[in-house]
Amino acid sequence: MTDVNVSRLLQELQITNPERYELVQAVRQAIYSVVLDASERVMYDGFMFSGEAQFCGVFAYREHVSVEFGRGCYLDDSHCVLEGGGKLRRHINLFSAADITAKFLEQYVDAVYRNS
């Protein structure tokens, strides 16, 4: 069952930024393809995904979608796609659906999920 707040945020995004809406939907689908039983809720104006623990967040901006990993500094970044220089957090910026594959999003989601 979808959280009503998730549905509301998706509706709002579809109206205000249809291109980002499509990309967010593709990212959500990619995450659910890796973590079939993930739960999702709205937090910080984005979509937070959890298994037993929270493992990533998806945030839509005007020009891109960012997938945030709260403890991303511990991920093996063999594809050199993680951005951010903070103490713990890393993210992947996506500008098109093709970036989901090109930036190995599913691999990173799987790695962060297994280590959460």
N, C-alpha and C. Protein backbone atom coordinates (compact mmCIF):
# COMPACT_ATOMS: atom_id res chain seq x y z
N MET A 1 0.84 -1.18 0.00
CA MET A 1 0.00 0.00 0.00
C MET A 1 0.89 1.24 0.00
N THR A 2 0.57 2.19 -0.85
CA THR A 2 1.37 3.40 -0.98
C THR A 2 0.97 4.41 0.08
N ASP A 3 1.95 4.99 0.72
CA ASP A 3 1.74 6.05 1.70
C ASP A 3 1.07 7.24 1.00
N VAL A 4 0.04 7.80 1.63
CA VAL A 4 -0.69 8.92 1.03
C VAL A 4 0.22 10.11 0.77
N ASN A 5 1.21 10.33 1.61
CA ASN A 5 2.14 11.44 1.40
C ASN A 5 3.04 11.21 0.19
N VAL A 6 3.38 9.96 -0.08
CA VAL A 6 4.15 9.64 -1.28
C VAL A 6 3.32 9.97 -2.51
N SER A 7 2.06 9.55 -2.49
CA SER A 7 1.16 9.84 -3.62
C SER A 7 1.00 11.34 -3.84
N ARG A 8 0.86 12.08 -2.76
CA ARG A 8 0.70 13.54 -2.87
C ARG A 8 1.94 14.20 -3.46
N LEU A 9 3.11 13.79 -2.98
CA LEU A 9 4.34 14.38 -3.49
C LEU A 9 4.54 14.03 -4.97
N LEU A 10 4.20 12.82 -5.35
CA LEU A 10 4.29 12.43 -6.75
C LEU A 10 3.34 13.25 -7.61
N GLN A 11 2.12 13.45 -7.13
CA GLN A 11 1.14 14.27 -7.86
C GLN A 11 1.64 15.70 -8.05
N GLU A 12 2.16 16.26 -6.99
CA GLU A 12 2.69 17.63 -7.03
C GLU A 12 3.84 17.73 -8.03
N LEU A 13 4.73 16.75 -8.00
CA LEU A 13 5.86 16.74 -8.91
C LEU A 13 5.41 16.58 -10.36
N GLN A 14 4.41 15.76 -10.58
CA GLN A 14 3.89 15.56 -11.94
C GLN A 14 3.35 16.87 -12.52
N ILE A 15 2.74 17.67 -11.68
CA ILE A 15 2.17 18.95 -12.12
C ILE A 15 3.26 20.00 -12.31
N THR A 16 4.18 20.09 -11.36
CA THR A 16 5.15 21.18 -11.38
C THR A 16 6.38 20.92 -12.24
N ASN A 17 6.76 19.65 -12.41
CA ASN A 17 7.96 19.33 -13.18
C ASN A 17 7.82 17.93 -13.79
N PRO A 18 7.04 17.81 -14.87
CA PRO A 18 6.77 16.51 -15.47
C PRO A 18 8.01 15.71 -15.86
N GLU A 19 9.06 16.40 -16.31
CA GLU A 19 10.28 15.68 -16.69
C GLU A 19 10.93 15.03 -15.47
N ARG A 20 11.01 15.75 -14.37
CA ARG A 20 11.59 15.18 -13.15
C ARG A 20 10.68 14.10 -12.60
N TYR A 21 9.37 14.26 -12.73
CA TYR A 21 8.43 13.22 -12.29
C TYR A 21 8.76 11.90 -12.99
N GLU A 22 8.94 11.93 -14.29
CA GLU A 22 9.25 10.71 -15.04
C GLU A 22 10.55 10.09 -14.56
N LEU A 23 11.54 10.92 -14.31
CA LEU A 23 12.83 10.41 -13.84
C LEU A 23 12.71 9.85 -12.42
N VAL A 24 11.98 10.52 -11.56
CA VAL A 24 11.77 10.00 -10.19
C VAL A 24 11.07 8.64 -10.26
N GLN A 25 10.09 8.51 -11.12
CA GLN A 25 9.39 7.23 -11.24
C GLN A 25 10.35 6.14 -11.71
N ALA A 26 11.22 6.46 -12.65
CA ALA A 26 12.21 5.47 -13.13
C ALA A 26 13.19 5.10 -12.03
N VAL A 27 13.60 6.07 -11.22
CA VAL A 27 14.51 5.81 -10.11
C VAL A 27 13.81 4.94 -9.06
N ARG A 28 12.57 5.26 -8.73
CA ARG A 28 11.82 4.47 -7.76
C ARG A 28 11.70 3.02 -8.25
N GLN A 29 11.41 2.85 -9.53
CA GLN A 29 11.30 1.51 -10.10
C GLN A 29 12.63 0.76 -9.99
N ALA A 30 13.73 1.45 -10.25
CA ALA A 30 15.05 0.83 -10.14
C ALA A 30 15.33 0.38 -8.70
N ILE A 31 14.97 1.23 -7.75
CA ILE A 31 15.19 0.88 -6.33
C ILE A 31 14.35 -0.34 -5.96
N TYR A 32 13.07 -0.34 -6.35
CA TYR A 32 12.20 -1.47 -6.02
C TYR A 32 12.61 -2.74 -6.76
N SER A 33 13.31 -2.62 -7.87
CA SER A 33 13.79 -3.83 -8.57
C SER A 33 14.92 -4.50 -7.79
N VAL A 34 15.61 -3.72 -6.97
CA VAL A 34 16.71 -4.25 -6.16
C VAL A 34 16.22 -4.67 -4.78
N VAL A 35 15.38 -3.86 -4.18
CA VAL A 35 14.88 -4.11 -2.82
C VAL A 35 13.36 -4.24 -2.92
N LEU A 36 12.92 -5.45 -3.19
CA LEU A 36 11.50 -5.69 -3.47
C LEU A 36 10.57 -5.28 -2.34
N ASP A 37 11.03 -5.43 -1.11
CA ASP A 37 10.17 -5.15 0.04
C ASP A 37 10.51 -3.83 0.72
N ALA A 38 11.12 -2.91 -0.01
CA ALA A 38 11.46 -1.60 0.56
C ALA A 38 10.18 -0.87 0.95
N SER A 39 10.29 -0.05 1.97
CA SER A 39 9.19 0.84 2.32
C SER A 39 9.64 2.25 1.97
N GLU A 40 8.66 3.11 1.75
CA GLU A 40 8.95 4.45 1.26
C GLU A 40 8.09 5.45 2.02
N ARG A 41 8.71 6.57 2.36
CA ARG A 41 7.94 7.64 3.02
C ARG A 41 8.52 8.98 2.59
N VAL A 42 7.74 10.01 2.81
CA VAL A 42 8.18 11.36 2.46
C VAL A 42 8.89 11.97 3.66
N MET A 43 10.06 12.54 3.38
CA MET A 43 10.84 13.20 4.41
C MET A 43 11.75 14.20 3.72
N TYR A 44 11.88 15.39 4.28
CA TYR A 44 12.74 16.43 3.70
C TYR A 44 12.36 16.75 2.25
N ASP A 45 11.08 16.69 1.94
CA ASP A 45 10.57 16.94 0.58
C ASP A 45 11.11 15.95 -0.45
N GLY A 46 11.42 14.76 0.00
CA GLY A 46 11.90 13.71 -0.89
C GLY A 46 11.34 12.37 -0.47
N PHE A 47 11.78 11.34 -1.13
CA PHE A 47 11.32 9.97 -0.88
C PHE A 47 12.43 9.21 -0.17
N MET A 48 12.16 8.74 1.04
CA MET A 48 13.15 8.00 1.81
C MET A 48 12.79 6.51 1.76
N PHE A 49 13.79 5.70 1.46
CA PHE A 49 13.59 4.26 1.32
C PHE A 49 14.25 3.53 2.48
N SER A 50 13.52 2.54 3.00
CA SER A 50 14.01 1.75 4.13
C SER A 50 13.76 0.28 3.89
N GLY A 51 14.62 -0.53 4.48
CA GLY A 51 14.41 -1.96 4.65
C GLY A 51 14.28 -2.10 6.15
N GLU A 52 15.21 -2.80 6.76
CA GLU A 52 15.27 -2.81 8.22
C GLU A 52 15.78 -1.47 8.72
N ALA A 53 16.58 -0.79 7.90
CA ALA A 53 17.09 0.55 8.20
C ALA A 53 16.95 1.41 6.95
N GLN A 54 16.96 2.70 7.13
CA GLN A 54 16.90 3.62 6.00
C GLN A 54 18.16 3.46 5.17
N PHE A 55 18.01 3.37 3.84
CA PHE A 55 19.21 3.17 3.03
C PHE A 55 19.42 4.22 1.94
N CYS A 56 18.39 4.95 1.51
CA CYS A 56 18.64 6.02 0.55
C CYS A 56 17.44 6.96 0.45
N GLY A 57 17.69 8.10 -0.15
CA GLY A 57 16.64 9.08 -0.39
C GLY A 57 16.72 9.57 -1.83
N VAL A 58 15.56 9.94 -2.36
CA VAL A 58 15.46 10.43 -3.74
C VAL A 58 14.86 11.82 -3.69
N PHE A 59 15.56 12.78 -4.29
CA PHE A 59 15.14 14.17 -4.24
C PHE A 59 15.14 14.76 -5.64
N ALA A 60 14.03 15.39 -6.00
CA ALA A 60 13.89 16.00 -7.32
C ALA A 60 14.22 17.49 -7.23
N TYR A 61 15.09 17.92 -8.09
CA TYR A 61 15.45 19.32 -8.22
C TYR A 61 15.04 19.78 -9.62
N ARG A 62 15.18 21.05 -9.89
CA ARG A 62 14.74 21.60 -11.18
C ARG A 62 15.39 20.88 -12.36
N GLU A 63 16.70 20.64 -12.28
CA GLU A 63 17.43 20.09 -13.42
C GLU A 63 17.86 18.63 -13.29
N HIS A 64 17.71 18.06 -12.10
CA HIS A 64 18.18 16.69 -11.91
C HIS A 64 17.45 16.02 -10.74
N VAL A 65 17.71 14.74 -10.59
CA VAL A 65 17.25 13.96 -9.43
C VAL A 65 18.49 13.46 -8.73
N SER A 66 18.50 13.59 -7.42
CA SER A 66 19.64 13.16 -6.62
C SER A 66 19.24 11.95 -5.78
N VAL A 67 20.06 10.92 -5.82
CA VAL A 67 19.87 9.76 -4.96
C VAL A 67 20.94 9.87 -3.88
N GLU A 68 20.49 10.01 -2.64
CA GLU A 68 21.37 10.29 -1.51
C GLU A 68 21.59 9.03 -0.67
N PHE A 69 22.81 8.82 -0.27
CA PHE A 69 23.18 7.70 0.59
C PHE A 69 23.77 8.28 1.87
N GLY A 70 23.05 8.13 2.99
CA GLY A 70 23.45 8.72 4.25
C GLY A 70 24.82 8.28 4.74
N ARG A 71 25.22 7.06 4.42
CA ARG A 71 26.53 6.55 4.81
C ARG A 71 27.32 6.15 3.56
N GLY A 72 27.14 6.96 2.53
CA GLY A 72 27.75 6.67 1.24
C GLY A 72 29.26 6.67 1.22
N CYS A 73 29.87 7.29 2.22
CA CYS A 73 31.34 7.31 2.27
C CYS A 73 31.92 5.91 2.43
N TYR A 74 31.10 4.97 2.88
CA TYR A 74 31.56 3.60 3.08
C TYR A 74 31.37 2.72 1.84
N LEU A 75 30.74 3.27 0.80
CA LEU A 75 30.51 2.49 -0.41
C LEU A 75 31.77 2.40 -1.25
N ASP A 76 31.97 1.26 -1.88
CA ASP A 76 33.04 1.11 -2.86
C ASP A 76 32.58 1.85 -4.11
N ASP A 77 33.29 2.87 -4.50
CA ASP A 77 32.91 3.68 -5.65
C ASP A 77 33.78 3.33 -6.85
N SER A 78 33.75 2.06 -7.23
CA SER A 78 34.60 1.59 -8.33
C SER A 78 34.24 2.23 -9.67
N HIS A 79 33.03 2.75 -9.81
CA HIS A 79 32.62 3.40 -11.05
C HIS A 79 32.81 4.92 -11.01
N CYS A 80 33.26 5.42 -9.87
CA CYS A 80 33.56 6.85 -9.69
C CYS A 80 32.38 7.75 -10.05
N VAL A 81 31.21 7.41 -9.52
CA VAL A 81 30.01 8.21 -9.78
C VAL A 81 29.48 8.92 -8.55
N LEU A 82 29.97 8.54 -7.37
CA LEU A 82 29.49 9.18 -6.15
C LEU A 82 30.05 10.59 -6.04
N GLU A 83 29.19 11.50 -5.62
CA GLU A 83 29.59 12.89 -5.43
C GLU A 83 29.39 13.24 -3.96
N GLY A 84 30.05 14.31 -3.55
CA GLY A 84 29.92 14.80 -2.18
C GLY A 84 31.19 14.56 -1.41
N GLY A 85 31.52 15.52 -0.57
CA GLY A 85 32.75 15.42 0.18
C GLY A 85 32.54 15.54 1.67
N GLY A 86 31.28 15.42 2.10
CA GLY A 86 30.99 15.50 3.52
C GLY A 86 31.53 14.30 4.27
N LYS A 87 31.36 14.33 5.57
CA LYS A 87 31.88 13.27 6.43
C LYS A 87 31.31 11.89 6.07
N LEU A 88 30.00 11.81 5.83
CA LEU A 88 29.37 10.51 5.58
C LEU A 88 28.61 10.43 4.26
N ARG A 89 27.85 11.44 3.95
CA ARG A 89 26.88 11.39 2.85
C ARG A 89 27.55 11.48 1.48
N ARG A 90 27.00 10.68 0.54
CA ARG A 90 27.38 10.75 -0.86
C ARG A 90 26.09 10.67 -1.68
N HIS A 91 26.16 11.12 -2.93
CA HIS A 91 24.97 11.11 -3.77
C HIS A 91 25.36 10.86 -5.22
N ILE A 92 24.34 10.48 -6.00
CA ILE A 92 24.48 10.33 -7.44
C ILE A 92 23.45 11.26 -8.07
N ASN A 93 23.90 12.16 -8.92
CA ASN A 93 22.99 13.04 -9.64
C ASN A 93 22.62 12.41 -10.97
N LEU A 94 21.32 12.39 -11.25
CA LEU A 94 20.81 11.80 -12.48
C LEU A 94 20.09 12.89 -13.28
N PHE A 95 20.41 12.99 -14.55
CA PHE A 95 19.82 14.00 -15.42
C PHE A 95 18.85 13.39 -16.44
N SER A 96 18.93 12.08 -16.61
CA SER A 96 18.03 11.38 -17.54
C SER A 96 17.89 9.94 -17.08
N ALA A 97 16.91 9.25 -17.64
CA ALA A 97 16.71 7.84 -17.30
C ALA A 97 17.93 7.00 -17.70
N ALA A 98 18.62 7.41 -18.76
CA ALA A 98 19.82 6.69 -19.19
C ALA A 98 20.90 6.70 -18.12
N ASP A 99 20.93 7.74 -17.29
CA ASP A 99 21.91 7.82 -16.21
C ASP A 99 21.73 6.71 -15.17
N ILE A 100 20.53 6.19 -15.04
CA ILE A 100 20.28 5.11 -14.07
C ILE A 100 21.20 3.93 -14.38
N THR A 101 21.30 3.59 -15.64
CA THR A 101 22.19 2.50 -16.06
C THR A 101 23.63 2.96 -16.14
N ALA A 102 23.84 4.12 -16.76
CA ALA A 102 25.20 4.62 -16.98
C ALA A 102 25.96 4.85 -15.68
N LYS A 103 25.22 5.18 -14.62
CA LYS A 103 25.87 5.45 -13.33
C LYS A 103 25.68 4.30 -12.34
N PHE A 104 25.24 3.15 -12.85
CA PHE A 104 25.18 1.91 -12.06
C PHE A 104 24.35 2.05 -10.79
N LEU A 105 23.25 2.79 -10.87
CA LEU A 105 22.44 3.07 -9.68
C LEU A 105 22.03 1.80 -8.95
N GLU A 106 21.56 0.80 -9.65
CA GLU A 106 21.10 -0.42 -8.98
C GLU A 106 22.20 -1.10 -8.19
N GLN A 107 23.43 -1.07 -8.70
CA GLN A 107 24.57 -1.65 -7.97
C GLN A 107 24.80 -0.91 -6.66
N TYR A 108 24.75 0.41 -6.71
CA TYR A 108 24.98 1.20 -5.51
C TYR A 108 23.85 1.02 -4.50
N VAL A 109 22.62 0.96 -4.99
CA VAL A 109 21.48 0.73 -4.10
C VAL A 109 21.63 -0.64 -3.42
N ASP A 110 21.99 -1.65 -4.19
CA ASP A 110 22.17 -2.99 -3.61
C ASP A 110 23.27 -2.97 -2.56
N ALA A 111 24.38 -2.32 -2.85
CA ALA A 111 25.49 -2.28 -1.89
C ALA A 111 25.10 -1.55 -0.61
N VAL A 112 24.43 -0.41 -0.74
CA VAL A 112 24.07 0.34 0.45
C VAL A 112 22.99 -0.40 1.25
N TYR A 113 22.08 -1.05 0.54
CA TYR A 113 21.04 -1.82 1.23
C TYR A 113 21.65 -2.98 2.02
N ARG A 114 22.55 -3.71 1.41
CA ARG A 114 23.19 -4.85 2.09
C ARG A 114 24.00 -4.41 3.31
N ASN A 115 24.48 -3.18 3.29
CA ASN A 115 25.31 -2.69 4.39
C ASN A 115 24.55 -1.81 5.37
N SER A 116 23.23 -1.71 5.21
CA SER A 116 22.46 -0.84 6.12
C SER A 116 21.99 -1.60 7.36
